[in-house]
Amino acid sequence: MTVSSEAAAPGGAEPAPLISVVVPVYGTEVYLPQCLDSILAQTHANLEVLCVDDCSPGNAAEIIRDYADRDARVRLISHAENQGLGSARNTGIRAARGALIGFVDSDDWLEPEMYARLLELMERAQADIVQCSAARMSEGRNIGSYPVSGGTRTRYTIHSMFGEGPTFVGAAWNKLYKTSLFLDNDIFYPDILFEDVATTPRLVHCAKRIASLPESYLNYRYRDDSIVNDISIARVEKRIDGLFSAMIILAGYFAARRAYSLEFVLNFRRYLMPQLERNIRIAQEVEDRGEALERCLRAIEVHLMGSDPGVRYFFPDQVKVMQGFRNRTRPG
């Protein structure tokens, strides 16, 4: 099948737009065929599949070349060195030929109607971003979901993103975007953990309208060995670094645009605090509990008590917050 920026539609209907699907690939070759098969089986067939090989070990590049030989919609883009998930997505954004773009992690898989349903909603709602719910899967079992509320919002506020209730998922992979949202606003993913947290609110801020489907069309594979589930203390420290880096990026973006909102700040804090507390709990469960906990608290303290204005943007009460972490983790 060939790729067209607009595929012909039967009966004189409007041509089907090209959707660019970006698939960053690193260390997931065992799951990659299921992922690619699910994308190529989409009922909306006018796709280009941009597989960005981020110097993945193993035979991932060979798998992608085999798919590209069999289906012209698949393209292999190779990094000369490992750059991380954010950079791999950015490579795909810059290479995209479609007016619309989506992102799929290479260990996840889609239901056949995902992009057709999202595109239908995008056109009906005249939205810049559309999203659906996602199922959490582990070894073939559904273990939960990432739910979103259905409906359409004009100028969908960033305030709602981190508020209570299943209104919005901040991840990249359950959405369809106008590609221009990235390019026209110079928004790209940073090379940090929690790159979605640093990016999705900026995209939402630029979107005039966002629409949602409550149905699940994406299957998120929960893996014990994934970067978000690694429980080593070194990974805990990196997660803490990533959370604060995302916060600083967001503070700089919104401060520069004089878009301060107390509601957003409070909701983001409600999101961030449980994330930090989760990492503290992980540190308390490793073998050398005392040293691990102190390393975790120091990692938080370095950021929280630092001089970066981005921290004070969200935590003007930084001393009180840090003291609270210390008090809650004291023995006895």
C-alpha atoms as a PDB file:
ATOM      1  CA  MET A   1       0.000   0.000   0.000  1.00  0.00           C
ATOM      2  CA  THR A   2       1.278   3.468  -0.888  1.00  0.00           C
ATOM      3  CA  VAL A   3       1.156   6.558   1.291  1.00  0.00           C
ATOM      4  CA  SER A   4      -0.682   9.692   0.203  1.00  0.00           C
ATOM      5  CA  SER A   5      -1.081  13.025   1.947  1.00  0.00           C
ATOM      6  CA  GLU A   6      -4.769  12.636   1.112  1.00  0.00           C
ATOM      7  CA  ALA A   7      -6.101   9.242   0.036  1.00  0.00           C
ATOM      8  CA  ALA A   8      -8.975   9.155  -2.429  1.00  0.00           C
ATOM      9  CA  ALA A   9     -12.364   8.478  -0.879  1.00  0.00           C
ATOM     10  CA  PRO A  10     -15.254   6.656  -2.611  1.00  0.00           C
ATOM     11  CA  GLY A  11     -18.286   8.450  -3.984  1.00  0.00           C
ATOM     12  CA  GLY A  12     -16.706  11.881  -4.201  1.00  0.00           C
ATOM     13  CA  ALA A  13     -16.361  12.180  -0.423  1.00  0.00           C
ATOM     14  CA  GLU A  14     -13.621  14.241   1.161  1.00  0.00           C
ATOM     15  CA  PRO A  15     -10.251  12.483   0.883  1.00  0.00           C
ATOM     16  CA  ALA A  16      -8.975  10.689   3.970  1.00  0.00           C
ATOM     17  CA  PRO A  17      -6.131  12.646   5.623  1.00  0.00           C
ATOM     18  CA  LEU A  18      -2.714  11.119   6.181  1.00  0.00           C
ATOM     19  CA  ILE A  19      -1.937  10.252   9.796  1.00  0.00           C
ATOM     20  CA  SER A  20       1.728  10.004  10.783  1.00  0.00           C
ATOM     21  CA  VAL A  21       2.209   7.410  13.531  1.00  0.00           C
ATOM     22  CA  VAL A  22       5.513   7.762  15.380  1.00  0.00           C
ATOM     23  CA  VAL A  23       6.857   4.599  17.038  1.00  0.00           C
ATOM     24  CA  PRO A  24      10.049   5.094  19.094  1.00  0.00           C
ATOM     25  CA  VAL A  25      11.888   1.770  19.358  1.00  0.00           C
ATOM     26  CA  TYR A  26      14.380   0.719  22.008  1.00  0.00           C
ATOM     27  CA  GLY A  27      14.779  -2.748  23.499  1.00  0.00           C
ATOM     28  CA  THR A  28      11.244  -3.887  22.656  1.00  0.00           C
ATOM     29  CA  GLU A  29      11.757  -6.166  19.649  1.00  0.00           C
ATOM     30  CA  VAL A  30       9.839  -9.009  21.305  1.00  0.00           C
ATOM     31  CA  TYR A  31       6.715  -6.809  21.363  1.00  0.00           C
ATOM     32  CA  LEU A  32       7.333  -4.855  18.157  1.00  0.00           C
ATOM     33  CA  PRO A  33       5.512  -7.151  15.679  1.00  0.00           C
ATOM     34  CA  GLN A  34       2.264  -7.006  17.674  1.00  0.00           C
ATOM     35  CA  CYS A  35       2.570  -3.220  17.869  1.00  0.00           C
ATOM     36  CA  LEU A  36       3.214  -2.760  14.131  1.00  0.00           C
ATOM     37  CA  ASP A  37       0.569  -5.299  13.116  1.00  0.00           C
ATOM     38  CA  SER A  38      -2.023  -3.400  15.150  1.00  0.00           C
ATOM     39  CA  ILE A  39      -1.104  -0.085  13.494  1.00  0.00           C
ATOM     40  CA  LEU A  40      -1.108  -1.497   9.962  1.00  0.00           C
ATOM     41  CA  ALA A  41      -4.491  -3.152  10.623  1.00  0.00           C
ATOM     42  CA  GLN A  42      -6.175   0.185  11.368  1.00  0.00           C
ATOM     43  CA  THR A  43      -9.472   0.698   9.552  1.00  0.00           C
ATOM     44  CA  HIS A  44      -8.170   4.173   8.666  1.00  0.00           C
ATOM     45  CA  ALA A  45      -5.561   2.929   6.208  1.00  0.00           C
ATOM     46  CA  ASN A  46      -3.965   6.196   5.063  1.00  0.00           C
ATOM     47  CA  LEU A  47      -1.064   6.077   7.503  1.00  0.00           C
ATOM     48  CA  GLU A  48       2.673   6.441   7.525  1.00  0.00           C
ATOM     49  CA  VAL A  49       4.409   4.539  10.310  1.00  0.00           C
ATOM     50  CA  LEU A  50       7.631   6.249  11.361  1.00  0.00           C
ATOM     51  CA  CYS A  51       9.692   3.750  13.341  1.00  0.00           C
ATOM     52  CA  VAL A  52      12.523   5.612  15.051  1.00  0.00           C
ATOM     53  CA  ASP A  53      15.237   3.147  16.018  1.00  0.00           C
ATOM     54  CA  ASP A  54      16.985   4.783  18.958  1.00  0.00           C
ATOM     55  CA  CYS A  55      20.061   2.526  18.670  1.00  0.00           C
ATOM     56  CA  SER A  56      18.039  -0.370  20.007  1.00  0.00           C
ATOM     57  CA  PRO A  57      20.043  -3.480  20.888  1.00  0.00           C
ATOM     58  CA  GLY A  58      19.001  -6.710  19.220  1.00  0.00           C
ATOM     59  CA  ASN A  59      17.278  -7.049  15.872  1.00  0.00           C
ATOM     60  CA  ALA A  60      14.658  -4.292  16.026  1.00  0.00           C
ATOM     61  CA  ALA A  61      15.990  -2.560  12.890  1.00  0.00           C
ATOM     62  CA  GLU A  62      15.853  -5.852  10.974  1.00  0.00           C
ATOM     63  CA  ILE A  63      12.226  -6.368  12.038  1.00  0.00           C
ATOM     64  CA  ILE A  64      11.300  -2.860  10.877  1.00  0.00           C
ATOM     65  CA  ARG A  65      13.070  -3.332   7.521  1.00  0.00           C
ATOM     66  CA  ASP A  66      11.116  -6.532   6.977  1.00  0.00           C
ATOM     67  CA  TYR A  67       7.854  -4.668   7.601  1.00  0.00           C
ATOM     68  CA  ALA A  68       8.950  -1.813   5.320  1.00  0.00           C
ATOM     69  CA  ASP A  69       9.703  -4.293   2.515  1.00  0.00           C
ATOM     70  CA  ARG A  70       6.163  -5.646   2.816  1.00  0.00           C
ATOM     71  CA  ASP A  71       4.279  -2.375   3.398  1.00  0.00           C
ATOM     72  CA  ALA A  72       5.338   0.973   1.917  1.00  0.00           C
ATOM     73  CA  ARG A  73       3.641   2.802   4.787  1.00  0.00           C
ATOM     74  CA  VAL A  74       6.451   1.771   7.157  1.00  0.00           C
ATOM     75  CA  ARG A  75       9.624   3.872   7.334  1.00  0.00           C
ATOM     76  CA  LEU A  76      12.753   3.164   9.359  1.00  0.00           C
ATOM     77  CA  ILE A  77      14.574   6.188  10.785  1.00  0.00           C
ATOM     78  CA  SER A  78      17.772   5.344  12.664  1.00  0.00           C
ATOM     79  CA  HIS A  79      19.559   7.390  15.295  1.00  0.00           C
ATOM     80  CA  ALA A  80      23.355   7.255  15.215  1.00  0.00           C
ATOM     81  CA  GLU A  81      23.373   7.072  19.015  1.00  0.00           C
ATOM     82  CA  ASN A  82      20.844   6.508  21.769  1.00  0.00           C
ATOM     83  CA  GLN A  83      19.053   9.798  22.505  1.00  0.00           C
ATOM     84  CA  GLY A  84      16.037   8.795  24.585  1.00  0.00           C
ATOM     85  CA  LEU A  85      12.275   8.624  24.120  1.00  0.00           C
ATOM     86  CA  GLY A  86      11.746  12.381  23.865  1.00  0.00           C
ATOM     87  CA  SER A  87      14.294  12.806  21.077  1.00  0.00           C
ATOM     88  CA  ALA A  88      12.925   9.779  19.213  1.00  0.00           C
ATOM     89  CA  ARG A  89       9.464  11.329  19.220  1.00  0.00           C
ATOM     90  CA  ASN A  90      10.918  14.643  18.060  1.00  0.00           C
ATOM     91  CA  THR A  91      12.661  12.916  15.150  1.00  0.00           C
ATOM     92  CA  GLY A  92       9.295  11.509  14.136  1.00  0.00           C
ATOM     93  CA  ILE A  93       7.577  14.885  14.426  1.00  0.00           C
ATOM     94  CA  ARG A  94      10.139  16.518  12.151  1.00  0.00           C
ATOM     95  CA  ALA A  95       9.922  13.704   9.605  1.00  0.00           C
ATOM     96  CA  ALA A  96       6.116  13.532   9.579  1.00  0.00           C
ATOM     97  CA  ARG A  97       4.348  14.210   6.295  1.00  0.00           C
ATOM     98  CA  GLY A  98       0.830  13.931   7.678  1.00  0.00           C
ATOM     99  CA  ALA A  99      -1.311  16.835   8.811  1.00  0.00           C
ATOM    100  CA  LEU A 100      -2.210  14.658  11.804  1.00  0.00           C
ATOM    101  CA  ILE A 101       0.117  12.784  14.130  1.00  0.00           C
ATOM    102  CA  GLY A 102      -0.081  10.120  16.815  1.00  0.00           C
ATOM    103  CA  PHE A 103       2.442   8.318  19.012  1.00  0.00           C
ATOM    104  CA  VAL A 104       2.528   4.632  19.924  1.00  0.00           C
ATOM    105  CA  ASP A 105       5.024   3.089  22.329  1.00  0.00           C
ATOM    106  CA  SER A 106       6.572   0.030  20.701  1.00  0.00           C
ATOM    107  CA  ASP A 107       5.405  -2.390  23.402  1.00  0.00           C
ATOM    108  CA  ASP A 108       1.743  -1.288  23.214  1.00  0.00           C
ATOM    109  CA  TRP A 109      -0.908  -2.165  20.656  1.00  0.00           C
ATOM    110  CA  LEU A 110      -4.055  -0.575  19.233  1.00  0.00           C
ATOM    111  CA  GLU A 111      -7.596  -1.678  18.599  1.00  0.00           C
ATOM    112  CA  PRO A 112      -8.375  -1.640  14.839  1.00  0.00           C
ATOM    113  CA  GLU A 113     -10.731   1.362  14.951  1.00  0.00           C
ATOM    114  CA  MET A 114      -8.632   3.667  17.133  1.00  0.00           C
ATOM    115  CA  TYR A 115      -7.503   6.212  14.565  1.00  0.00           C
ATOM    116  CA  ALA A 116     -10.743   6.040  12.577  1.00  0.00           C
ATOM    117  CA  ARG A 117     -12.757   6.859  15.686  1.00  0.00           C
ATOM    118  CA  LEU A 118     -10.365   9.594  16.816  1.00  0.00           C
ATOM    119  CA  LEU A 119     -10.341  11.150  13.339  1.00  0.00           C
ATOM    120  CA  GLU A 120     -14.122  11.043  13.134  1.00  0.00           C
ATOM    121  CA  LEU A 121     -14.344  12.831  16.486  1.00  0.00           C
ATOM    122  CA  MET A 122     -11.663  15.360  15.521  1.00  0.00           C
ATOM    123  CA  GLU A 123     -13.532  16.324  12.347  1.00  0.00           C
ATOM    124  CA  ARG A 124     -16.926  16.420  14.021  1.00  0.00           C
ATOM    125  CA  ALA A 125     -15.709  18.510  16.970  1.00  0.00           C
ATOM    126  CA  GLN A 126     -13.230  20.564  14.904  1.00  0.00           C
ATOM    127  CA  ALA A 127     -10.683  19.759  17.588  1.00  0.00           C
ATOM    128  CA  ASP A 128      -6.904  20.159  17.642  1.00  0.00           C
ATOM    129  CA  ILE A 129      -6.391  17.200  19.994  1.00  0.00           C
ATOM    130  CA  VAL A 130      -8.580  14.147  20.516  1.00  0.00           C
ATOM    131  CA  GLN A 131      -8.043  11.333  22.999  1.00  0.00           C
ATOM    132  CA  CYS A 132      -9.499   8.029  24.126  1.00  0.00           C
ATOM    133  CA  SER A 133      -9.269   5.854  27.207  1.00  0.00           C
ATOM    134  CA  ALA A 134      -6.640   3.092  27.408  1.00  0.00           C
ATOM    135  CA  ALA A 135      -6.621  -0.388  28.936  1.00  0.00           C
ATOM    136  CA  ARG A 136      -3.764  -1.508  31.208  1.00  0.00           C
ATOM    137  CA  MET A 137      -2.664  -4.989  30.178  1.00  0.00           C
ATOM    138  CA  SER A 138      -0.327  -7.441  31.896  1.00  0.00           C
ATOM    139  CA  GLU A 139       0.416 -10.865  30.408  1.00  0.00           C
ATOM    140  CA  GLY A 140      -2.813 -10.806  28.429  1.00  0.00           C
ATOM    141  CA  ARG A 141      -4.983  -9.712  31.358  1.00  0.00           C
ATOM    142  CA  ASN A 142      -6.772  -6.401  31.739  1.00  0.00           C
ATOM    143  CA  ILE A 143      -5.596  -5.013  35.098  1.00  0.00           C
ATOM    144  CA  GLY A 144      -7.178  -1.568  34.945  1.00  0.00           C
ATOM    145  CA  SER A 145      -7.518   1.463  32.742  1.00  0.00           C
ATOM    146  CA  TYR A 146      -6.482   5.019  32.046  1.00  0.00           C
ATOM    147  CA  PRO A 147      -9.964   6.521  31.719  1.00  0.00           C
ATOM    148  CA  VAL A 148     -10.980   9.828  30.191  1.00  0.00           C
ATOM    149  CA  SER A 149     -14.357  11.544  30.220  1.00  0.00           C
ATOM    150  CA  GLY A 150     -16.161  11.901  26.918  1.00  0.00           C
ATOM    151  CA  GLY A 151     -17.126  15.258  25.451  1.00  0.00           C
ATOM    152  CA  THR A 152     -15.666  18.376  23.893  1.00  0.00           C
ATOM    153  CA  ARG A 153     -14.142  21.449  25.472  1.00  0.00           C
ATOM    154  CA  THR A 154     -13.457  24.773  23.848  1.00  0.00           C
ATOM    155  CA  ARG A 155     -10.106  26.031  25.101  1.00  0.00           C
ATOM    156  CA  TYR A 156      -9.791  22.895  27.248  1.00  0.00           C
ATOM    157  CA  THR A 157      -8.082  24.398  30.232  1.00  0.00           C
ATOM    158  CA  ILE A 158      -4.812  23.114  31.591  1.00  0.00           C
ATOM    159  CA  HIS A 159      -6.459  23.387  34.998  1.00  0.00           C
ATOM    160  CA  SER A 160      -8.478  20.241  34.336  1.00  0.00           C
ATOM    161  CA  MET A 161      -5.520  18.094  33.360  1.00  0.00           C
ATOM    162  CA  PHE A 162      -4.336  17.325  36.866  1.00  0.00           C
ATOM    163  CA  GLY A 163      -7.602  17.748  38.697  1.00  0.00           C
ATOM    164  CA  GLU A 164      -9.762  15.059  40.235  1.00  0.00           C
ATOM    165  CA  GLY A 165     -11.736  12.626  38.130  1.00  0.00           C
ATOM    166  CA  PRO A 166     -11.051  10.767  34.869  1.00  0.00           C
ATOM    167  CA  THR A 167     -11.026  13.829  32.634  1.00  0.00           C
ATOM    168  CA  PHE A 168      -7.664  13.744  30.871  1.00  0.00           C
ATOM    169  CA  VAL A 169      -4.657  11.454  30.453  1.00  0.00           C
ATOM    170  CA  GLY A 170      -1.408  13.401  30.134  1.00  0.00           C
ATOM    171  CA  ALA A 171       0.405  10.717  28.109  1.00  0.00           C
ATOM    172  CA  ALA A 172       1.161  11.068  24.398  1.00  0.00           C
ATOM    173  CA  TRP A 173      -0.007   7.647  23.258  1.00  0.00           C
ATOM    174  CA  ASN A 174      -3.817   7.828  23.528  1.00  0.00           C
ATOM    175  CA  LYS A 175      -4.208  10.899  21.321  1.00  0.00           C
ATOM    176  CA  LEU A 176      -4.374  12.246  17.794  1.00  0.00           C
ATOM    177  CA  TYR A 177      -2.967  15.739  17.235  1.00  0.00           C
ATOM    178  CA  LYS A 178      -2.757  18.275  14.477  1.00  0.00           C
ATOM    179  CA  THR A 179       0.929  18.171  13.533  1.00  0.00           C
ATOM    180  CA  SER A 180       0.931  21.959  13.278  1.00  0.00           C
ATOM    181  CA  LEU A 181       0.306  22.134  17.030  1.00  0.00           C
ATOM    182  CA  PHE A 182       3.914  21.013  17.546  1.00  0.00           C
ATOM    183  CA  LEU A 183       5.580  22.783  14.624  1.00  0.00           C
ATOM    184  CA  ASP A 184       3.792  26.145  14.738  1.00  0.00           C
ATOM    185  CA  ASN A 185       4.336  26.497  18.482  1.00  0.00           C
ATOM    186  CA  ASP A 186       7.863  25.038  18.596  1.00  0.00           C
ATOM    187  CA  ILE A 187       6.802  22.400  21.119  1.00  0.00           C
ATOM    188  CA  PHE A 188       8.938  19.283  21.356  1.00  0.00           C
ATOM    189  CA  TYR A 189       9.593  16.607  23.958  1.00  0.00           C
ATOM    190  CA  PRO A 190      12.480  17.160  26.403  1.00  0.00           C
ATOM    191  CA  ASP A 191      15.033  14.415  27.067  1.00  0.00           C
ATOM    192  CA  ILE A 192      13.849  13.630  30.583  1.00  0.00           C
ATOM    193  CA  LEU A 193      11.726  11.036  32.307  1.00  0.00           C
ATOM    194  CA  PHE A 194       8.123  12.285  32.444  1.00  0.00           C
ATOM    195  CA  GLU A 195       8.605  13.978  29.084  1.00  0.00           C
ATOM    196  CA  ASP A 196       4.818  13.759  28.566  1.00  0.00           C
ATOM    197  CA  VAL A 197       4.177  15.702  31.767  1.00  0.00           C
ATOM    198  CA  ALA A 198       6.414  18.508  30.464  1.00  0.00           C
ATOM    199  CA  THR A 199       4.847  18.554  27.002  1.00  0.00           C
ATOM    200  CA  THR A 200       1.131  17.759  27.031  1.00  0.00           C
ATOM    201  CA  PRO A 201       0.119  20.821  29.109  1.00  0.00           C
ATOM    202  CA  ARG A 202       1.901  23.090  26.616  1.00  0.00           C
ATOM    203  CA  LEU A 203       0.041  21.472  23.718  1.00  0.00           C
ATOM    204  CA  VAL A 204      -3.244  21.799  25.583  1.00  0.00           C
ATOM    205  CA  HIS A 205      -2.531  25.469  26.197  1.00  0.00           C
ATOM    206  CA  CYS A 206      -2.161  26.013  22.424  1.00  0.00           C
ATOM    207  CA  ALA A 207      -5.189  23.935  21.408  1.00  0.00           C
ATOM    208  CA  LYS A 208      -8.439  25.752  20.724  1.00  0.00           C
ATOM    209  CA  ARG A 209     -10.558  22.658  21.261  1.00  0.00           C
ATOM    210  CA  ILE A 210     -10.025  19.158  22.662  1.00  0.00           C
ATOM    211  CA  ALA A 211     -12.432  16.238  22.425  1.00  0.00           C
ATOM    212  CA  SER A 212     -12.510  12.865  24.166  1.00  0.00           C
ATOM    213  CA  LEU A 213     -13.903   9.372  23.731  1.00  0.00           C
ATOM    214  CA  PRO A 214     -14.511   7.343  26.906  1.00  0.00           C
ATOM    215  CA  GLU A 215     -13.997   4.017  25.088  1.00  0.00           C
ATOM    216  CA  SER A 216     -10.607   2.256  25.270  1.00  0.00           C
ATOM    217  CA  TYR A 217      -8.835   1.831  21.941  1.00  0.00           C
ATOM    218  CA  LEU A 218      -5.233   1.503  23.139  1.00  0.00           C
ATOM    219  CA  ASN A 219      -3.680  -1.324  25.140  1.00  0.00           C
ATOM    220  CA  TYR A 220      -0.912  -0.153  27.455  1.00  0.00           C
ATOM    221  CA  ARG A 221       1.436  -2.997  28.321  1.00  0.00           C
ATOM    222  CA  TYR A 222       2.411  -2.988  31.983  1.00  0.00           C
ATOM    223  CA  ARG A 223       5.934  -4.408  32.261  1.00  0.00           C
ATOM    224  CA  ASP A 224       7.915  -4.928  35.453  1.00  0.00           C
ATOM    225  CA  ASP A 225      11.129  -4.134  33.532  1.00  0.00           C
ATOM    226  CA  SER A 226       9.915  -0.875  31.958  1.00  0.00           C
ATOM    227  CA  ILE A 227      11.564   2.440  32.820  1.00  0.00           C
ATOM    228  CA  VAL A 228       8.499   3.629  34.748  1.00  0.00           C
ATOM    229  CA  ASN A 229       8.371   0.494  36.908  1.00  0.00           C
ATOM    230  CA  ASP A 230      12.087   0.056  37.718  1.00  0.00           C
ATOM    231  CA  ILE A 231      12.341   0.150  41.534  1.00  0.00           C
ATOM    232  CA  SER A 232      16.114   0.601  41.907  1.00  0.00           C
ATOM    233  CA  ILE A 233      17.174   3.618  43.970  1.00  0.00           C
ATOM    234  CA  ALA A 234      19.133   4.982  40.995  1.00  0.00           C
ATOM    235  CA  ARG A 235      15.926   4.944  38.945  1.00  0.00           C
ATOM    236  CA  VAL A 236      14.029   6.554  41.837  1.00  0.00           C
ATOM    237  CA  GLU A 237      16.518   9.427  41.778  1.00  0.00           C
ATOM    238  CA  LYS A 238      16.114   9.776  38.009  1.00  0.00           C
ATOM    239  CA  ARG A 239      12.334   9.823  38.338  1.00  0.00           C
ATOM    240  CA  ILE A 240      12.558  12.582  40.923  1.00  0.00           C
ATOM    241  CA  ASP A 241      14.888  14.518  38.621  1.00  0.00           C
ATOM    242  CA  GLY A 242      12.424  14.028  35.771  1.00  0.00           C
ATOM    243  CA  LEU A 243       9.422  15.209  37.766  1.00  0.00           C
ATOM    244  CA  PHE A 244      11.144  18.403  38.864  1.00  0.00           C
ATOM    245  CA  SER A 245      12.575  18.997  35.387  1.00  0.00           C
ATOM    246  CA  ALA A 246       9.078  18.723  33.926  1.00  0.00           C
ATOM    247  CA  MET A 247       7.781  21.140  36.543  1.00  0.00           C
ATOM    248  CA  ILE A 248      10.513  23.681  35.763  1.00  0.00           C
ATOM    249  CA  ILE A 249       9.822  23.456  32.012  1.00  0.00           C
ATOM    250  CA  LEU A 250       6.114  24.075  32.584  1.00  0.00           C
ATOM    251  CA  ALA A 251       6.752  26.957  34.969  1.00  0.00           C
ATOM    252  CA  GLY A 252       9.057  28.637  32.445  1.00  0.00           C
ATOM    253  CA  TYR A 253       6.562  28.173  29.624  1.00  0.00           C
ATOM    254  CA  PHE A 254       3.541  29.555  31.466  1.00  0.00           C
ATOM    255  CA  ALA A 255       5.454  32.320  33.231  1.00  0.00           C
ATOM    256  CA  ALA A 256       6.820  33.566  29.897  1.00  0.00           C
ATOM    257  CA  ARG A 257       3.257  33.761  28.556  1.00  0.00           C
ATOM    258  CA  ARG A 258       1.855  35.319  31.729  1.00  0.00           C
ATOM    259  CA  ALA A 259      -0.575  32.414  31.905  1.00  0.00           C
ATOM    260  CA  TYR A 260      -0.350  31.853  35.662  1.00  0.00           C
ATOM    261  CA  SER A 261      -3.354  30.080  37.132  1.00  0.00           C
ATOM    262  CA  LEU A 262      -3.660  29.235  40.805  1.00  0.00           C
ATOM    263  CA  GLU A 263      -6.050  26.415  39.926  1.00  0.00           C
ATOM    264  CA  PHE A 264      -3.478  24.816  37.621  1.00  0.00           C
ATOM    265  CA  VAL A 265      -0.711  25.233  40.190  1.00  0.00           C
ATOM    266  CA  LEU A 266      -2.816  23.557  42.895  1.00  0.00           C
ATOM    267  CA  ASN A 267      -3.917  20.740  40.611  1.00  0.00           C
ATOM    268  CA  PHE A 268      -0.371  20.123  39.427  1.00  0.00           C
ATOM    269  CA  ARG A 269       0.768  19.953  43.034  1.00  0.00           C
ATOM    270  CA  ARG A 270      -1.972  17.371  43.684  1.00  0.00           C
ATOM    271  CA  TYR A 271      -0.514  15.342  40.833  1.00  0.00           C
ATOM    272  CA  LEU A 272       3.133  15.795  41.807  1.00  0.00           C
ATOM    273  CA  MET A 273       2.955  15.109  45.543  1.00  0.00           C
ATOM    274  CA  PRO A 274       1.677  11.494  45.242  1.00  0.00           C
ATOM    275  CA  GLN A 275       4.339  10.873  42.590  1.00  0.00           C
ATOM    276  CA  LEU A 276       7.071  11.986  44.987  1.00  0.00           C
ATOM    277  CA  GLU A 277       5.511  10.039  47.853  1.00  0.00           C
ATOM    278  CA  ARG A 278       5.400   6.914  45.662  1.00  0.00           C
ATOM    279  CA  ASN A 279       9.152   7.176  45.146  1.00  0.00           C
ATOM    280  CA  ILE A 280       9.660   7.583  48.888  1.00  0.00           C
ATOM    281  CA  ARG A 281       7.643   4.401  49.471  1.00  0.00           C
ATOM    282  CA  ILE A 282       9.803   2.560  46.923  1.00  0.00           C
ATOM    283  CA  ALA A 283      12.952   3.744  48.716  1.00  0.00           C
ATOM    284  CA  GLN A 284      11.525   2.433  51.984  1.00  0.00           C
ATOM    285  CA  GLU A 285      11.063  -1.029  50.468  1.00  0.00           C
ATOM    286  CA  VAL A 286      14.556  -1.659  49.047  1.00  0.00           C
ATOM    287  CA  GLU A 287      17.080  -3.790  50.913  1.00  0.00           C
ATOM    288  CA  ASP A 288      19.219  -0.990  52.376  1.00  0.00           C
ATOM    289  CA  ARG A 289      16.209   1.027  53.523  1.00  0.00           C
ATOM    290  CA  GLY A 290      17.994   3.725  55.523  1.00  0.00           C
ATOM    291  CA  GLU A 291      20.500   4.734  52.860  1.00  0.00           C
ATOM    292  CA  ALA A 292      17.934   4.470  50.057  1.00  0.00           C
ATOM    293  CA  LEU A 293      15.419   6.651  51.898  1.00  0.00           C
ATOM    294  CA  GLU A 294      18.031   9.313  52.626  1.00  0.00           C
ATOM    295  CA  ARG A 295      19.156   9.337  48.982  1.00  0.00           C
ATOM    296  CA  CYS A 296      15.538   9.744  47.906  1.00  0.00           C
ATOM    297  CA  LEU A 297      14.895  12.600  50.344  1.00  0.00           C
ATOM    298  CA  ARG A 298      18.141  14.302  49.321  1.00  0.00           C
ATOM    299  CA  ALA A 299      17.116  14.088  45.661  1.00  0.00           C
ATOM    300  CA  ILE A 300      13.829  15.820  46.495  1.00  0.00           C
ATOM    301  CA  GLU A 301      15.540  18.380  48.739  1.00  0.00           C
ATOM    302  CA  VAL A 302      18.139  19.369  46.130  1.00  0.00           C
ATOM    303  CA  HIS A 303      15.327  20.411  43.792  1.00  0.00           C
ATOM    304  CA  LEU A 304      12.724  21.629  46.250  1.00  0.00           C
ATOM    305  CA  MET A 305      15.112  23.812  48.250  1.00  0.00           C
ATOM    306  CA  GLY A 306      17.047  25.051  45.226  1.00  0.00           C
ATOM    307  CA  SER A 307      16.930  28.539  43.775  1.00  0.00           C
ATOM    308  CA  ASP A 308      15.214  27.762  40.464  1.00  0.00           C
ATOM    309  CA  PRO A 309      12.200  30.084  40.048  1.00  0.00           C
ATOM    310  CA  GLY A 310      10.320  27.204  38.410  1.00  0.00           C
ATOM    311  CA  VAL A 311      10.206  25.411  41.755  1.00  0.00           C
ATOM    312  CA  ARG A 312       8.920  28.478  43.576  1.00  0.00           C
ATOM    313  CA  TYR A 313       6.291  28.888  40.842  1.00  0.00           C
ATOM    314  CA  PHE A 314       4.625  25.711  42.118  1.00  0.00           C
ATOM    315  CA  PHE A 315       6.036  25.586  45.660  1.00  0.00           C
ATOM    316  CA  PRO A 316       6.284  29.025  47.259  1.00  0.00           C
ATOM    317  CA  ASP A 317       5.990  27.103  50.550  1.00  0.00           C
ATOM    318  CA  GLN A 318       8.965  24.891  49.689  1.00  0.00           C
ATOM    319  CA  VAL A 319      10.437  24.856  53.228  1.00  0.00           C
ATOM    320  CA  LYS A 320       7.156  23.673  54.759  1.00  0.00           C
ATOM    321  CA  VAL A 321       6.693  21.002  52.079  1.00  0.00           C
ATOM    322  CA  MET A 322      10.211  19.623  52.524  1.00  0.00           C
ATOM    323  CA  GLN A 323       9.812  19.543  56.288  1.00  0.00           C
ATOM    324  CA  GLY A 324       6.597  17.580  55.790  1.00  0.00           C
ATOM    325  CA  PHE A 325       8.457  14.934  53.776  1.00  0.00           C
ATOM    326  CA  ARG A 326      11.096  14.670  56.503  1.00  0.00           C
ATOM    327  CA  ASN A 327       8.558  14.453  59.313  1.00  0.00           C
ATOM    328  CA  ARG A 328       6.484  11.751  57.598  1.00  0.00           C
ATOM    329  CA  THR A 329       9.503   9.514  57.092  1.00  0.00           C
ATOM    330  CA  ARG A 330      10.983   9.701  60.593  1.00  0.00           C
ATOM    331  CA  PRO A 331      10.966   6.346  62.377  1.00  0.00           C
ATOM    332  CA  GLY A 332       8.518   5.943  65.197  1.00  0.00           C
END
